[in-house]
Amino acid sequence: MMLAKVAGALLIFVAVAVAPAMAQSLEYKVLATSKTSTLEKELNEAGDAGFRAFTVMGGETAVGGKEVVAVIARAAGSKSRFQYKLLATSKTSTMQKEIQEAADAGYDYIGQTVFESLMGGKEVAVIMERDSEHPTKGDRYKLLATAKTSTMQKELDEVGADGYAALGMTVSKTLVGGKELVTITRRRGSK
């Protein structure tokens, strides 16, 4: 009898614990373009309709050539609105400055990729998102760039000791450093 009560309580606990984890219905869209300005415009139009960026990747697609492709989704019944900034540069110092300026304006890191333009230039591209109703405030970002993995290890250990978490990494050819590992880190502030 006691075992039946424990088993019954466990079953109720499992059912309650699993219920919130059930997936909502999602509507997806795939955005693909060879121009950073077009992607930012399309992300903002979709964000105004409640879509949210999930992932981004740059490369050469079978039909579109050199493109950046982003997957966005909207939960059924979502009322949230999102704004986006797409930052793209071949200078890491410029990217560091632009990421922090966007963060100071309430934007949060979503993802990064390497964007190769039709003219043959390669840039690190970063997507930043702001929830219109609940912008993030106080986050600090550090961009690390180096050609050597051992140096990246050392730099990550240093910023990690200060509370920075690695968010994403790309290998890119930049103007100053040639082929570099570019890692973006963030330390959360107050919301």
N, C-alpha and C. Protein backbone atom coordinates (compact mmCIF):
# COMPACT_ATOMS: atom_id res chain seq x y z
N MET A 1 0.83 -1.18 0.00
CA MET A 1 0.00 0.00 0.00
C MET A 1 0.88 1.25 0.00
N MET A 2 1.88 1.26 0.86
CA MET A 2 2.80 2.40 0.94
C MET A 2 3.53 2.58 -0.38
N LEU A 3 3.96 1.49 -0.99
CA LEU A 3 4.66 1.55 -2.27
C LEU A 3 3.75 2.12 -3.35
N ALA A 4 2.47 1.79 -3.34
CA ALA A 4 1.52 2.31 -4.33
C ALA A 4 1.38 3.82 -4.16
N LYS A 5 1.35 4.33 -2.91
CA LYS A 5 1.25 5.77 -2.67
C LYS A 5 2.51 6.49 -3.17
N VAL A 6 3.67 5.92 -2.89
CA VAL A 6 4.93 6.52 -3.33
C VAL A 6 4.98 6.51 -4.86
N ALA A 7 4.62 5.39 -5.48
CA ALA A 7 4.63 5.30 -6.95
C ALA A 7 3.64 6.29 -7.54
N GLY A 8 2.46 6.42 -6.94
CA GLY A 8 1.45 7.38 -7.42
C GLY A 8 1.95 8.81 -7.30
N ALA A 9 2.57 9.14 -6.18
CA ALA A 9 3.12 10.49 -5.98
C ALA A 9 4.23 10.78 -6.97
N LEU A 10 5.06 9.75 -7.22
CA LEU A 10 6.14 9.91 -8.18
C LEU A 10 5.58 10.15 -9.58
N LEU A 11 4.54 9.43 -9.95
CA LEU A 11 3.92 9.60 -11.26
C LEU A 11 3.34 11.00 -11.40
N ILE A 12 2.69 11.51 -10.38
CA ILE A 12 2.15 12.87 -10.42
C ILE A 12 3.29 13.88 -10.53
N PHE A 13 4.37 13.68 -9.77
CA PHE A 13 5.52 14.58 -9.83
C PHE A 13 6.11 14.61 -11.23
N VAL A 14 6.28 13.42 -11.84
CA VAL A 14 6.85 13.34 -13.19
C VAL A 14 5.93 14.03 -14.18
N ALA A 15 4.63 13.83 -14.08
CA ALA A 15 3.69 14.46 -15.01
C ALA A 15 3.72 15.97 -14.88
N VAL A 16 3.79 16.49 -13.66
CA VAL A 16 3.85 17.94 -13.45
C VAL A 16 5.18 18.50 -13.94
N ALA A 17 6.27 17.78 -13.70
CA ALA A 17 7.59 18.25 -14.11
C ALA A 17 7.74 18.26 -15.63
N VAL A 18 7.11 17.32 -16.33
CA VAL A 18 7.24 17.22 -17.77
C VAL A 18 6.30 18.20 -18.49
N ALA A 19 5.15 18.50 -17.92
CA ALA A 19 4.15 19.34 -18.60
C ALA A 19 4.71 20.67 -19.11
N PRO A 20 5.48 21.46 -18.31
CA PRO A 20 5.99 22.71 -18.83
C PRO A 20 7.02 22.53 -19.95
N ALA A 21 7.64 21.36 -20.02
CA ALA A 21 8.67 21.14 -21.02
C ALA A 21 8.08 20.77 -22.38
N MET A 22 6.77 20.53 -22.45
CA MET A 22 6.17 20.18 -23.73
C MET A 22 6.33 21.34 -24.70
N ALA A 23 6.64 21.02 -25.93
CA ALA A 23 6.94 22.03 -26.94
C ALA A 23 5.68 22.72 -27.43
N GLN A 24 5.84 24.04 -27.67
CA GLN A 24 4.77 24.81 -28.30
C GLN A 24 4.88 24.64 -29.80
N SER A 25 3.82 24.93 -30.48
CA SER A 25 3.84 24.94 -31.94
C SER A 25 4.67 26.12 -32.42
N LEU A 26 5.58 25.90 -33.36
CA LEU A 26 6.43 26.96 -33.90
C LEU A 26 6.23 27.10 -35.40
N GLU A 27 6.26 28.32 -35.86
CA GLU A 27 6.25 28.62 -37.29
C GLU A 27 7.64 29.11 -37.66
N TYR A 28 8.27 28.48 -38.63
CA TYR A 28 9.63 28.81 -39.04
C TYR A 28 9.66 29.57 -40.35
N LYS A 29 10.70 30.37 -40.50
CA LYS A 29 11.03 31.00 -41.77
C LYS A 29 12.54 30.93 -41.94
N VAL A 30 12.97 30.79 -43.18
CA VAL A 30 14.39 30.80 -43.50
C VAL A 30 14.66 32.05 -44.34
N LEU A 31 15.57 32.88 -43.86
CA LEU A 31 15.97 34.09 -44.58
C LEU A 31 17.35 33.85 -45.17
N ALA A 32 17.53 34.22 -46.43
CA ALA A 32 18.84 34.05 -47.08
C ALA A 32 19.09 35.23 -47.99
N THR A 33 20.29 35.80 -47.88
CA THR A 33 20.64 36.95 -48.70
C THR A 33 22.15 37.07 -48.83
N SER A 34 22.57 37.79 -49.84
CA SER A 34 24.00 38.06 -50.00
C SER A 34 24.37 39.45 -49.51
N LYS A 35 23.39 40.19 -48.98
CA LYS A 35 23.64 41.56 -48.49
C LYS A 35 23.28 41.67 -47.01
N THR A 36 24.21 42.18 -46.22
CA THR A 36 23.95 42.32 -44.78
C THR A 36 22.79 43.28 -44.53
N SER A 37 22.69 44.35 -45.29
CA SER A 37 21.61 45.32 -45.07
C SER A 37 20.25 44.69 -45.33
N THR A 38 20.16 43.80 -46.32
CA THR A 38 18.90 43.10 -46.61
C THR A 38 18.53 42.18 -45.46
N LEU A 39 19.50 41.45 -44.93
CA LEU A 39 19.22 40.54 -43.82
C LEU A 39 18.72 41.31 -42.61
N GLU A 40 19.36 42.42 -42.26
CA GLU A 40 18.91 43.21 -41.11
C GLU A 40 17.49 43.70 -41.33
N LYS A 41 17.18 44.17 -42.53
CA LYS A 41 15.82 44.66 -42.84
C LYS A 41 14.80 43.53 -42.68
N GLU A 42 15.12 42.35 -43.25
CA GLU A 42 14.20 41.22 -43.17
C GLU A 42 14.03 40.71 -41.74
N LEU A 43 15.12 40.71 -40.96
CA LEU A 43 15.02 40.30 -39.55
C LEU A 43 14.11 41.25 -38.78
N ASN A 44 14.24 42.55 -39.02
CA ASN A 44 13.41 43.53 -38.31
C ASN A 44 11.95 43.44 -38.71
N GLU A 45 11.68 43.20 -39.98
CA GLU A 45 10.29 43.01 -40.42
C GLU A 45 9.69 41.78 -39.76
N ALA A 46 10.44 40.69 -39.73
CA ALA A 46 9.97 39.46 -39.10
C ALA A 46 9.84 39.63 -37.59
N GLY A 47 10.81 40.33 -36.97
CA GLY A 47 10.76 40.57 -35.52
C GLY A 47 9.55 41.38 -35.12
N ASP A 48 9.12 42.29 -35.98
CA ASP A 48 7.92 43.09 -35.74
C ASP A 48 6.67 42.22 -35.75
N ALA A 49 6.75 41.09 -36.44
CA ALA A 49 5.63 40.15 -36.51
C ALA A 49 5.76 39.04 -35.47
N GLY A 50 6.73 39.18 -34.53
CA GLY A 50 6.88 38.21 -33.45
C GLY A 50 7.86 37.10 -33.70
N PHE A 51 8.55 37.11 -34.85
CA PHE A 51 9.56 36.09 -35.12
C PHE A 51 10.84 36.41 -34.38
N ARG A 52 11.55 35.37 -34.01
CA ARG A 52 12.79 35.49 -33.25
C ARG A 52 13.89 34.69 -33.93
N ALA A 53 15.09 35.27 -34.01
CA ALA A 53 16.21 34.60 -34.64
C ALA A 53 16.68 33.43 -33.78
N PHE A 54 16.96 32.29 -34.41
CA PHE A 54 17.46 31.12 -33.71
C PHE A 54 18.91 30.84 -34.05
N THR A 55 19.25 30.89 -35.32
CA THR A 55 20.61 30.54 -35.72
C THR A 55 20.95 31.23 -37.03
N VAL A 56 22.25 31.37 -37.28
CA VAL A 56 22.72 32.03 -38.49
C VAL A 56 23.98 31.32 -38.97
N MET A 57 24.15 31.27 -40.30
CA MET A 57 25.33 30.64 -40.88
C MET A 57 25.63 31.27 -42.22
N GLY A 58 26.88 31.55 -42.47
CA GLY A 58 27.29 32.09 -43.76
C GLY A 58 28.01 31.01 -44.55
N GLY A 59 27.89 31.09 -45.87
CA GLY A 59 28.57 30.12 -46.71
C GLY A 59 28.05 30.18 -48.12
N GLU A 60 28.35 29.14 -48.85
CA GLU A 60 27.92 29.09 -50.24
C GLU A 60 26.81 28.06 -50.37
N THR A 61 25.62 28.54 -50.75
CA THR A 61 24.49 27.64 -50.94
C THR A 61 24.45 27.19 -52.40
N ALA A 62 23.74 26.10 -52.67
CA ALA A 62 23.71 25.51 -54.01
C ALA A 62 23.14 26.46 -55.05
N VAL A 63 22.11 27.19 -54.71
CA VAL A 63 21.44 28.07 -55.67
C VAL A 63 21.82 29.53 -55.48
N GLY A 64 21.90 29.97 -54.25
CA GLY A 64 22.09 31.40 -53.97
C GLY A 64 23.52 31.89 -54.01
N GLY A 65 24.49 30.97 -54.05
CA GLY A 65 25.88 31.41 -54.01
C GLY A 65 26.30 31.77 -52.60
N LYS A 66 27.11 32.81 -52.46
CA LYS A 66 27.61 33.24 -51.15
C LYS A 66 26.51 34.02 -50.43
N GLU A 67 25.99 33.41 -49.36
CA GLU A 67 24.86 33.98 -48.63
C GLU A 67 25.04 33.83 -47.12
N VAL A 68 24.26 34.60 -46.41
CA VAL A 68 24.05 34.36 -44.99
C VAL A 68 22.62 33.85 -44.88
N VAL A 69 22.45 32.75 -44.15
CA VAL A 69 21.14 32.14 -43.98
C VAL A 69 20.80 32.18 -42.50
N ALA A 70 19.61 32.68 -42.18
CA ALA A 70 19.15 32.75 -40.80
C ALA A 70 17.84 31.98 -40.66
N VAL A 71 17.71 31.25 -39.57
CA VAL A 71 16.46 30.56 -39.25
C VAL A 71 15.78 31.36 -38.15
N ILE A 72 14.51 31.71 -38.39
CA ILE A 72 13.73 32.45 -37.40
C ILE A 72 12.46 31.66 -37.11
N ALA A 73 11.87 31.90 -35.95
CA ALA A 73 10.65 31.17 -35.58
C ALA A 73 9.76 32.05 -34.71
N ARG A 74 8.47 31.70 -34.74
CA ARG A 74 7.49 32.40 -33.91
C ARG A 74 6.63 31.35 -33.23
N ALA A 75 6.47 31.48 -31.92
CA ALA A 75 5.60 30.59 -31.17
C ALA A 75 4.15 30.98 -31.43
N ALA A 76 3.29 29.98 -31.46
CA ALA A 76 1.87 30.23 -31.68
C ALA A 76 1.34 31.20 -30.62
N GLY A 77 0.67 32.24 -31.06
CA GLY A 77 0.08 33.21 -30.14
C GLY A 77 1.05 34.21 -29.54
N SER A 78 2.29 34.23 -30.00
CA SER A 78 3.28 35.14 -29.43
C SER A 78 2.91 36.59 -29.68
N LYS A 79 3.03 37.41 -28.64
CA LYS A 79 2.77 38.85 -28.74
C LYS A 79 4.07 39.65 -28.68
N SER A 80 5.20 38.98 -28.46
CA SER A 80 6.48 39.67 -28.33
C SER A 80 6.91 40.26 -29.66
N ARG A 81 7.67 41.35 -29.56
CA ARG A 81 8.25 42.01 -30.73
C ARG A 81 9.74 42.14 -30.51
N PHE A 82 10.53 41.92 -31.57
CA PHE A 82 11.97 41.95 -31.45
C PHE A 82 12.57 42.89 -32.50
N GLN A 83 13.68 43.51 -32.12
CA GLN A 83 14.42 44.37 -33.03
C GLN A 83 15.82 43.77 -33.19
N TYR A 84 16.40 43.97 -34.39
CA TYR A 84 17.69 43.36 -34.69
C TYR A 84 18.68 44.36 -35.24
N LYS A 85 19.94 44.10 -34.92
CA LYS A 85 21.08 44.81 -35.51
C LYS A 85 21.99 43.73 -36.06
N LEU A 86 22.40 43.91 -37.30
CA LEU A 86 23.38 43.01 -37.89
C LEU A 86 24.66 43.80 -38.02
N LEU A 87 25.67 43.38 -37.31
CA LEU A 87 26.97 44.05 -37.32
C LEU A 87 27.92 43.23 -38.19
N ALA A 88 28.60 43.88 -39.12
CA ALA A 88 29.53 43.17 -39.99
C ALA A 88 30.73 44.05 -40.27
N THR A 89 31.92 43.51 -40.01
CA THR A 89 33.15 44.25 -40.25
C THR A 89 34.32 43.29 -40.37
N SER A 90 35.36 43.73 -41.03
CA SER A 90 36.57 42.91 -41.11
C SER A 90 37.61 43.38 -40.09
N LYS A 91 37.28 44.42 -39.31
CA LYS A 91 38.19 44.91 -38.26
C LYS A 91 37.63 44.52 -36.90
N THR A 92 38.39 43.74 -36.15
CA THR A 92 37.91 43.27 -34.85
C THR A 92 37.71 44.42 -33.86
N SER A 93 38.52 45.46 -33.92
CA SER A 93 38.35 46.58 -32.99
C SER A 93 37.03 47.30 -33.25
N THR A 94 36.64 47.39 -34.51
CA THR A 94 35.35 48.01 -34.85
C THR A 94 34.21 47.14 -34.34
N MET A 95 34.33 45.83 -34.50
CA MET A 95 33.28 44.92 -34.05
C MET A 95 33.12 44.99 -32.53
N GLN A 96 34.22 45.02 -31.80
CA GLN A 96 34.16 45.14 -30.34
C GLN A 96 33.36 46.38 -29.95
N LYS A 97 33.67 47.50 -30.56
CA LYS A 97 33.00 48.78 -30.27
C LYS A 97 31.50 48.70 -30.62
N GLU A 98 31.17 48.15 -31.79
CA GLU A 98 29.78 48.09 -32.22
C GLU A 98 28.95 47.13 -31.37
N ILE A 99 29.54 46.02 -30.96
CA ILE A 99 28.81 45.08 -30.09
C ILE A 99 28.48 45.74 -28.76
N GLN A 100 29.46 46.43 -28.17
CA GLN A 100 29.21 47.06 -26.87
C GLN A 100 28.20 48.19 -27.00
N GLU A 101 28.26 48.97 -28.08
CA GLU A 101 27.27 50.04 -28.30
C GLU A 101 25.86 49.45 -28.41
N ALA A 102 25.72 48.34 -29.14
CA ALA A 102 24.42 47.69 -29.27
C ALA A 102 23.95 47.17 -27.91
N ALA A 103 24.85 46.57 -27.13
CA ALA A 103 24.51 46.07 -25.80
C ALA A 103 24.06 47.21 -24.90
N ASP A 104 24.74 48.34 -24.99
CA ASP A 104 24.36 49.51 -24.17
C ASP A 104 22.97 50.03 -24.55
N ALA A 105 22.54 49.74 -25.78
CA ALA A 105 21.20 50.14 -26.24
C ALA A 105 20.16 49.05 -25.98
N GLY A 106 20.55 47.98 -25.24
CA GLY A 106 19.60 46.95 -24.85
C GLY A 106 19.57 45.71 -25.73
N TYR A 107 20.53 45.59 -26.65
CA TYR A 107 20.59 44.42 -27.53
C TYR A 107 21.42 43.32 -26.90
N ASP A 108 21.11 42.08 -27.27
CA ASP A 108 21.79 40.90 -26.76
C ASP A 108 22.29 40.04 -27.92
N TYR A 109 23.43 39.41 -27.74
CA TYR A 109 24.04 38.55 -28.76
C TYR A 109 23.14 37.37 -29.09
N ILE A 110 22.97 37.10 -30.39
CA ILE A 110 22.21 35.95 -30.85
C ILE A 110 23.12 34.92 -31.53
N GLY A 111 24.01 35.40 -32.40
CA GLY A 111 24.88 34.48 -33.11
C GLY A 111 25.87 35.22 -33.98
N GLN A 112 26.82 34.47 -34.52
CA GLN A 112 27.83 35.06 -35.38
C GLN A 112 28.20 34.08 -36.48
N THR A 113 28.70 34.62 -37.58
CA THR A 113 29.14 33.81 -38.70
C THR A 113 30.15 34.61 -39.50
N VAL A 114 30.67 34.02 -40.54
CA VAL A 114 31.53 34.73 -41.46
C VAL A 114 30.69 35.03 -42.70
N PHE A 115 30.66 36.27 -43.09
CA PHE A 115 29.88 36.73 -44.23
C PHE A 115 30.86 37.03 -45.35
N GLU A 116 30.65 36.38 -46.50
CA GLU A 116 31.52 36.63 -47.65
C GLU A 116 30.70 37.36 -48.71
N SER A 117 31.11 38.57 -49.01
CA SER A 117 30.36 39.38 -49.97
C SER A 117 30.65 38.96 -51.40
N LEU A 118 29.83 39.43 -52.30
CA LEU A 118 30.01 39.13 -53.72
C LEU A 118 31.34 39.64 -54.25
N MET A 119 31.86 40.69 -53.64
CA MET A 119 33.12 41.28 -54.07
C MET A 119 34.34 40.52 -53.51
N GLY A 120 34.09 39.46 -52.74
CA GLY A 120 35.20 38.65 -52.25
C GLY A 120 35.69 38.99 -50.87
N GLY A 121 35.10 39.99 -50.23
CA GLY A 121 35.52 40.35 -48.88
C GLY A 121 34.90 39.42 -47.85
N LYS A 122 35.63 39.14 -46.78
CA LYS A 122 35.11 38.30 -45.70
C LYS A 122 35.02 39.15 -44.44
N GLU A 123 33.87 39.03 -43.76
CA GLU A 123 33.66 39.80 -42.55
C GLU A 123 33.05 38.91 -41.49
N VAL A 124 33.35 39.22 -40.24
CA VAL A 124 32.63 38.59 -39.14
C VAL A 124 31.30 39.33 -39.04
N ALA A 125 30.20 38.58 -39.00
CA ALA A 125 28.87 39.17 -38.87
C ALA A 125 28.26 38.67 -37.56
N VAL A 126 27.69 39.60 -36.80
CA VAL A 126 27.08 39.29 -35.51
C VAL A 126 25.65 39.81 -35.53
N ILE A 127 24.71 38.97 -35.07
CA ILE A 127 23.33 39.40 -34.94
C ILE A 127 23.06 39.69 -33.48
N MET A 128 22.52 40.89 -33.24
CA MET A 128 22.13 41.31 -31.89
C MET A 128 20.61 41.51 -31.89
N GLU A 129 19.95 41.13 -30.78
CA GLU A 129 18.50 41.17 -30.67
C GLU A 129 18.09 41.97 -29.44
N ARG A 130 16.99 42.73 -29.58
CA ARG A 130 16.42 43.44 -28.43
C ARG A 130 14.94 43.10 -28.36
N ASP A 131 14.52 42.64 -27.19
CA ASP A 131 13.11 42.42 -26.92
C ASP A 131 12.51 43.80 -26.68
N SER A 132 11.52 44.19 -27.47
CA SER A 132 10.95 45.53 -27.39
C SER A 132 10.42 45.88 -26.00
N GLU A 133 9.91 44.87 -25.29
CA GLU A 133 9.34 45.12 -23.97
C GLU A 133 10.34 44.95 -22.83
N HIS A 134 11.36 44.13 -23.04
CA HIS A 134 12.31 43.80 -21.97
C HIS A 134 13.75 43.84 -22.47
N PRO A 135 14.27 45.03 -22.81
CA PRO A 135 15.66 45.09 -23.29
C PRO A 135 16.64 44.72 -22.19
N THR A 136 17.74 44.09 -22.60
CA THR A 136 18.80 43.70 -21.68
C THR A 136 19.64 44.94 -21.36
N LYS A 137 20.05 45.09 -20.13
CA LYS A 137 20.88 46.24 -19.75
C LYS A 137 22.06 45.78 -18.90
N GLY A 138 23.18 46.43 -19.09
CA GLY A 138 24.34 46.21 -18.23
C GLY A 138 25.28 45.10 -18.64
N ASP A 139 25.01 44.40 -19.74
CA ASP A 139 25.91 43.34 -20.17
C ASP A 139 27.19 43.93 -20.75
N ARG A 140 28.31 43.27 -20.50
CA ARG A 140 29.60 43.69 -21.04
C ARG A 140 30.09 42.60 -22.00
N TYR A 141 30.62 43.02 -23.12
CA TYR A 141 31.12 42.09 -24.13
C TYR A 141 32.61 42.30 -24.35
N LYS A 142 33.31 41.20 -24.62
CA LYS A 142 34.71 41.26 -25.03
C LYS A 142 34.87 40.36 -26.24
N LEU A 143 35.52 40.91 -27.26
CA LEU A 143 35.82 40.15 -28.46
C LEU A 143 37.29 39.78 -28.41
N LEU A 144 37.57 38.50 -28.57
CA LEU A 144 38.94 38.00 -28.56
C LEU A 144 39.28 37.55 -29.98
N ALA A 145 40.45 37.93 -30.47
CA ALA A 145 40.87 37.54 -31.82
C ALA A 145 42.35 37.21 -31.82
N THR A 146 42.67 36.02 -32.32
CA THR A 146 44.06 35.59 -32.40
C THR A 146 44.21 34.50 -33.46
N ALA A 147 45.40 34.36 -33.97
CA ALA A 147 45.69 33.33 -34.97
C ALA A 147 46.05 31.99 -34.31
N LYS A 148 46.41 32.01 -33.03
CA LYS A 148 46.90 30.80 -32.37
C LYS A 148 45.89 30.29 -31.35
N THR A 149 45.59 29.00 -31.41
CA THR A 149 44.66 28.41 -30.45
C THR A 149 45.19 28.49 -29.03
N SER A 150 46.50 28.38 -28.86
CA SER A 150 47.07 28.46 -27.51
C SER A 150 46.86 29.86 -26.92
N THR A 151 46.95 30.88 -27.75
CA THR A 151 46.69 32.24 -27.27
C THR A 151 45.21 32.41 -26.92
N MET A 152 44.32 31.82 -27.75
CA MET A 152 42.89 31.90 -27.45
C MET A 152 42.60 31.23 -26.12
N GLN A 153 43.24 30.09 -25.86
CA GLN A 153 43.06 29.40 -24.58
C GLN A 153 43.42 30.33 -23.42
N LYS A 154 44.57 30.99 -23.52
CA LYS A 154 45.04 31.89 -22.47
C LYS A 154 44.07 33.06 -22.29
N GLU A 155 43.63 33.67 -23.40
CA GLU A 155 42.72 34.82 -23.32
C GLU A 155 41.36 34.42 -22.75
N LEU A 156 40.86 33.24 -23.12
CA LEU A 156 39.59 32.77 -22.56
C LEU A 156 39.70 32.52 -21.06
N ASP A 157 40.84 31.94 -20.63
CA ASP A 157 41.04 31.74 -19.20
C ASP A 157 41.04 33.08 -18.45
N GLU A 158 41.66 34.10 -19.03
CA GLU A 158 41.73 35.42 -18.40
C GLU A 158 40.35 36.06 -18.27
N VAL A 159 39.58 36.07 -19.37
CA VAL A 159 38.26 36.70 -19.29
C VAL A 159 37.29 35.84 -18.49
N GLY A 160 37.49 34.51 -18.53
CA GLY A 160 36.65 33.62 -17.72
C GLY A 160 36.80 33.89 -16.24
N ALA A 161 38.01 34.23 -15.82
CA ALA A 161 38.25 34.56 -14.41
C ALA A 161 37.51 35.83 -14.00
N ASP A 162 37.18 36.67 -14.99
CA ASP A 162 36.41 37.90 -14.73
C ASP A 162 34.91 37.71 -14.94
N GLY A 163 34.48 36.45 -15.16
CA GLY A 163 33.05 36.17 -15.27
C GLY A 163 32.49 36.21 -16.69
N TYR A 164 33.34 36.28 -17.70
CA TYR A 164 32.87 36.29 -19.08
C TYR A 164 32.67 34.87 -19.58
N ALA A 165 31.55 34.64 -20.29
CA ALA A 165 31.25 33.34 -20.88
C ALA A 165 31.39 33.42 -22.39
N ALA A 166 32.00 32.41 -22.99
CA ALA A 166 32.12 32.36 -24.45
C ALA A 166 30.75 32.09 -25.05
N LEU A 167 30.39 32.87 -26.08
CA LEU A 167 29.10 32.73 -26.74
C LEU A 167 29.21 32.08 -28.11
N GLY A 168 30.25 32.42 -28.85
CA GLY A 168 30.40 31.88 -30.18
C GLY A 168 31.79 32.12 -30.71
N MET A 169 32.16 31.33 -31.73
CA MET A 169 33.50 31.46 -32.31
C MET A 169 33.39 31.25 -33.81
N THR A 170 34.18 32.02 -34.55
CA THR A 170 34.31 31.83 -35.99
C THR A 170 35.79 31.86 -36.33
N VAL A 171 36.12 31.31 -37.48
CA VAL A 171 37.46 31.45 -38.03
C VAL A 171 37.27 32.35 -39.24
N SER A 172 37.97 33.46 -39.24
CA SER A 172 37.75 34.45 -40.29
C SER A 172 39.05 35.09 -40.71
N LYS A 173 39.08 35.58 -41.91
CA LYS A 173 40.21 36.35 -42.39
C LYS A 173 39.88 37.81 -42.15
N THR A 174 40.63 38.44 -41.23
CA THR A 174 40.38 39.83 -40.90
C THR A 174 41.47 40.71 -41.53
N LEU A 175 41.20 42.00 -41.59
CA LEU A 175 42.16 42.92 -42.21
C LEU A 175 43.49 42.96 -41.50
N VAL A 176 43.46 43.00 -40.18
CA VAL A 176 44.69 43.18 -39.42
C VAL A 176 45.39 41.86 -39.15
N GLY A 177 44.65 40.85 -38.70
CA GLY A 177 45.29 39.64 -38.22
C GLY A 177 45.40 38.49 -39.20
N GLY A 178 44.90 38.64 -40.42
CA GLY A 178 44.89 37.49 -41.33
C GLY A 178 43.83 36.51 -40.88
N LYS A 179 44.10 35.20 -40.95
CA LYS A 179 43.14 34.20 -40.48
C LYS A 179 43.19 34.15 -38.97
N GLU A 180 42.04 34.43 -38.37
CA GLU A 180 41.97 34.50 -36.91
C GLU A 180 40.79 33.72 -36.36
N LEU A 181 40.95 33.24 -35.15
CA LEU A 181 39.83 32.76 -34.35
C LEU A 181 39.22 34.01 -33.72
N VAL A 182 37.93 34.18 -33.89
CA VAL A 182 37.25 35.33 -33.29
C VAL A 182 36.20 34.78 -32.34
N THR A 183 36.37 35.05 -31.05
CA THR A 183 35.46 34.57 -30.02
C THR A 183 34.81 35.77 -29.34
N ILE A 184 33.49 35.70 -29.18
CA ILE A 184 32.76 36.76 -28.49
C ILE A 184 32.33 36.22 -27.13
N THR A 185 32.62 37.02 -26.09
CA THR A 185 32.29 36.63 -24.72
C THR A 185 31.39 37.70 -24.10
N ARG A 186 30.64 37.30 -23.07
CA ARG A 186 29.73 38.24 -22.40
C ARG A 186 29.75 37.98 -20.90
N ARG A 187 29.68 39.09 -20.15
CA ARG A 187 29.45 39.03 -18.70
C ARG A 187 28.11 39.69 -18.46
N ARG A 188 27.19 38.94 -17.90
CA ARG A 188 25.85 39.46 -17.66
C ARG A 188 25.85 40.56 -16.62
N GLY A 189 25.05 41.58 -16.88
CA GLY A 189 24.86 42.68 -15.94
C GLY A 189 23.48 42.57 -15.34
N SER A 190 23.01 43.68 -14.84
CA SER A 190 21.64 43.70 -14.28
C SER A 190 20.67 43.85 -15.42
N LYS A 191 19.50 43.27 -15.27
CA LYS A 191 18.48 43.33 -16.33
C LYS A 191 17.52 44.45 -16.07
